[in-house]
Amino acid sequence: MKKLERISQEKFDSLKKDEKDLLLIYYKTYEKENKLSKSLSKSRKKIKKVKEKLNNIQIKKKEILEKIKSTNKSLFTTSTIVCDKRWNSYICIFKNSESQKSLYLGNHKSIIKALTPFYSKEELNDSQDFLKKELKKIISTVQDKLIKHNDNNEITFKKNKFKSIIELYAESGKWDYWSIED
């Protein structure tokens, strides 16, 4: 839209009152539009700068994470719970980039017996998927107290009995149910 040029004071005075009011409103609206347009332009420039800064920080973060992974691989030890269906037993496998260790947790019945204080009877069913999920939660809660890494970043166990794992879990206070057997 083309800008309406300002008129001289004499022409303005010669206009009717309605025309004067309308012209004043137009000029004020045009000035507001101009200010907002400039503000929008400045904001776009700021957004562009912020995006560039964010991108630089993300690149830097990625580089730092790669350095952390290469210097301290023990931070990235994963644990997996598997069920050996032949013997109906559970094993936890700890793995990092340098080594892999397995820890026998116990058979199905002994694990259910050990977990009974931490789960209601309705929760603790015979489902292997449920037990694997809960064992994973327990192991991840106590993993730092359960394993250690030597100078070669190989995994070794501080505690290797399921009973000690359950005791560590009880000490952690991360469970939300406690039953008392009669």
Protein backbone atom coordinates (compact mmCIF):
# COMPACT_ATOMS: atom_id res chain seq x y z
CA MET A 1 0.00 0.00 0.00
CA LYS A 2 1.29 3.39 -0.90
CA LYS A 3 1.99 5.90 1.84
CA LEU A 4 -0.31 8.88 1.95
CA GLU A 5 1.90 11.96 1.91
CA ARG A 6 1.49 14.57 4.58
CA ILE A 7 -0.41 17.63 3.46
CA SER A 8 0.39 21.20 4.29
CA GLN A 9 -1.15 22.82 7.32
CA GLU A 10 -3.28 25.11 5.14
CA LYS A 11 -4.83 22.17 3.28
CA PHE A 12 -5.34 20.35 6.54
CA ASP A 13 -7.15 23.34 8.04
CA SER A 14 -9.40 23.56 5.00
CA LEU A 15 -10.68 19.98 5.47
CA LYS A 16 -13.87 19.06 7.27
CA LYS A 17 -13.67 17.79 10.83
CA ASP A 18 -14.41 14.16 9.86
CA GLU A 19 -11.72 14.24 7.18
CA LYS A 20 -9.21 15.73 9.63
CA ASP A 21 -9.95 13.02 12.21
CA LEU A 22 -9.66 10.29 9.64
CA LEU A 23 -6.37 11.68 8.33
CA LEU A 24 -4.92 11.92 11.87
CA ILE A 25 -5.93 8.34 12.59
CA TYR A 26 -4.26 7.24 9.37
CA TYR A 27 -0.98 9.01 10.24
CA LYS A 28 -0.91 7.53 13.75
CA THR A 29 -1.67 4.05 12.40
CA TYR A 30 1.07 4.39 9.79
CA GLU A 31 3.61 5.40 12.46
CA LYS A 32 2.62 2.44 14.66
CA GLU A 33 2.91 0.09 11.71
CA ASN A 34 6.34 1.48 10.91
CA LYS A 35 7.54 1.05 14.52
CA LEU A 36 6.23 -2.50 14.70
CA SER A 37 7.84 -3.34 11.38
CA LYS A 38 11.22 -2.06 12.63
CA SER A 39 10.75 -3.93 15.90
CA LEU A 40 9.97 -7.12 14.01
CA SER A 41 13.07 -6.68 11.90
CA LYS A 42 15.22 -6.22 15.01
CA SER A 43 13.61 -9.24 16.63
CA ARG A 44 14.36 -11.37 13.58
CA LYS A 45 18.00 -10.32 13.76
CA LYS A 46 18.09 -11.19 17.47
CA ILE A 47 16.44 -14.55 16.81
CA LYS A 48 19.01 -15.28 14.11
CA LYS A 49 21.85 -14.46 16.52
CA VAL A 50 20.31 -16.61 19.26
CA LYS A 51 19.90 -19.51 16.82
CA GLU A 52 23.55 -19.19 15.81
CA LYS A 53 24.63 -19.17 19.48
CA LEU A 54 22.43 -22.18 20.20
CA ASN A 55 23.87 -24.05 17.24
CA ASN A 56 27.43 -23.29 18.39
CA ILE A 57 26.64 -24.47 21.91
CA GLN A 58 25.09 -27.69 20.61
CA ILE A 59 28.18 -28.38 18.51
CA LYS A 60 30.42 -27.68 21.50
CA LYS A 61 28.28 -29.93 23.72
CA LYS A 62 28.54 -32.76 21.20
CA GLU A 63 32.34 -32.40 21.05
CA ILE A 64 32.58 -32.43 24.86
CA LEU A 65 30.35 -35.49 25.08
CA GLU A 66 32.62 -37.33 22.64
CA LYS A 67 35.63 -36.44 24.80
CA ILE A 68 33.82 -37.62 27.94
CA LYS A 69 32.92 -40.90 26.26
CA SER A 70 36.49 -41.49 25.19
CA THR A 71 38.06 -40.57 28.54
CA ASN A 72 35.58 -42.09 30.98
CA LYS A 73 33.79 -45.00 29.40
CA SER A 74 32.66 -46.21 32.81
CA LEU A 75 29.99 -43.51 32.76
CA PHE A 76 28.38 -45.36 29.88
CA THR A 77 28.01 -48.86 31.30
CA THR A 78 24.68 -50.39 30.36
CA SER A 79 22.85 -53.19 32.07
CA THR A 80 20.46 -55.67 30.52
CA ILE A 81 18.30 -58.27 32.23
CA VAL A 82 17.77 -61.55 30.41
CA CYS A 83 15.76 -64.60 31.33
CA ASP A 84 17.18 -68.04 30.61
CA LYS A 85 14.01 -69.96 29.86
CA ARG A 86 15.73 -73.34 30.10
CA TRP A 87 16.42 -72.90 33.80
CA ASN A 88 13.86 -70.17 34.49
CA SER A 89 16.64 -67.96 35.84
CA TYR A 90 17.64 -64.32 35.43
CA ILE A 91 21.01 -62.86 34.49
CA CYS A 92 22.16 -59.26 34.41
CA ILE A 93 24.67 -58.33 31.72
CA PHE A 94 26.81 -55.23 32.25
CA LYS A 95 28.51 -53.85 29.18
CA ASN A 96 30.71 -50.94 28.20
CA SER A 97 33.00 -50.43 25.23
CA GLU A 98 35.85 -52.37 26.85
CA SER A 99 34.22 -55.32 28.56
CA GLN A 100 31.11 -57.31 29.31
CA LYS A 101 30.30 -59.18 32.53
CA SER A 102 27.34 -61.31 33.52
CA LEU A 103 25.87 -61.61 36.98
CA TYR A 104 23.60 -64.48 37.93
CA LEU A 105 20.63 -63.10 39.85
CA GLY A 106 18.74 -66.29 40.67
CA ASN A 107 15.86 -68.47 39.60
CA HIS A 108 12.31 -67.19 39.22
CA LYS A 109 11.04 -68.40 42.61
CA SER A 110 13.99 -67.04 44.61
CA ILE A 111 13.69 -63.62 42.92
CA ILE A 112 9.97 -63.41 43.64
CA LYS A 113 10.68 -64.36 47.26
CA ALA A 114 13.40 -61.68 47.54
CA LEU A 115 11.20 -58.99 45.97
CA THR A 116 8.09 -59.78 48.05
CA PRO A 117 8.81 -57.06 50.67
CA PHE A 118 8.94 -54.38 47.98
CA TYR A 119 5.77 -55.16 46.03
CA SER A 120 2.16 -55.86 46.83
CA LYS A 121 0.88 -59.33 45.96
CA GLU A 122 -1.17 -57.85 43.13
CA GLU A 123 1.91 -56.22 41.59
CA LEU A 124 4.26 -59.15 41.99
CA ASN A 125 2.91 -61.64 39.53
CA ASP A 126 4.69 -64.42 37.67
CA SER A 127 5.16 -62.37 34.51
CA GLN A 128 8.72 -62.50 33.20
CA ASP A 129 8.35 -59.10 31.55
CA PHE A 130 7.28 -57.50 34.83
CA LEU A 131 10.18 -59.10 36.71
CA LYS A 132 12.70 -58.08 34.04
CA LYS A 133 11.43 -54.48 34.15
CA GLU A 134 11.58 -54.34 37.95
CA LEU A 135 15.00 -56.02 38.10
CA LYS A 136 16.28 -53.47 35.58
CA LYS A 137 14.96 -50.67 37.81
CA ILE A 138 16.60 -52.17 40.89
CA ILE A 139 19.94 -52.81 39.16
CA SER A 140 20.07 -49.30 37.68
CA THR A 141 19.35 -47.86 41.13
CA VAL A 142 22.30 -49.64 42.76
CA GLN A 143 24.63 -50.01 39.75
CA ASP A 144 27.24 -47.56 41.08
CA LYS A 145 27.52 -49.52 44.32
CA LEU A 146 27.46 -52.87 42.54
CA ILE A 147 30.20 -52.60 39.93
CA LYS A 148 33.54 -50.87 39.56
CA HIS A 149 35.98 -50.32 36.72
CA ASN A 150 39.70 -51.07 36.78
CA ASP A 151 42.41 -49.07 35.01
CA ASN A 152 41.62 -50.78 31.71
CA ASN A 153 37.95 -49.86 32.12
CA GLU A 154 37.00 -53.49 32.58
CA ILE A 155 33.96 -54.19 34.71
CA THR A 156 34.40 -55.95 38.05
CA PHE A 157 31.89 -56.61 40.79
CA LYS A 158 31.95 -55.10 44.25
CA LYS A 159 28.97 -57.25 45.23
CA ASN A 160 27.90 -60.31 43.32
CA LYS A 161 25.03 -61.81 45.31
CA PHE A 162 21.39 -60.98 44.67
CA LYS A 163 20.85 -60.71 48.42
CA SER A 164 23.41 -57.88 48.61
CA ILE A 165 21.73 -56.16 45.64
CA ILE A 166 18.38 -56.28 47.44
CA GLU A 167 20.00 -54.89 50.61
CA LEU A 168 21.52 -52.02 48.62
CA TYR A 169 18.12 -51.36 47.05
CA ALA A 170 16.47 -51.34 50.48
CA GLU A 171 19.07 -48.83 51.70
CA SER A 172 18.45 -46.59 48.69
CA GLY A 173 14.86 -45.87 49.73
CA LYS A 174 13.73 -45.73 46.09
CA TRP A 175 11.00 -48.33 46.59
CA ASP A 176 7.48 -47.15 47.27
CA TYR A 177 5.92 -50.18 48.94
CA TRP A 178 6.93 -52.28 51.91
CA SER A 179 5.05 -55.32 53.13
CA ILE A 180 5.45 -57.12 56.44
CA GLU A 181 5.07 -60.85 56.28
CA ASP A 182 2.98 -62.41 59.03
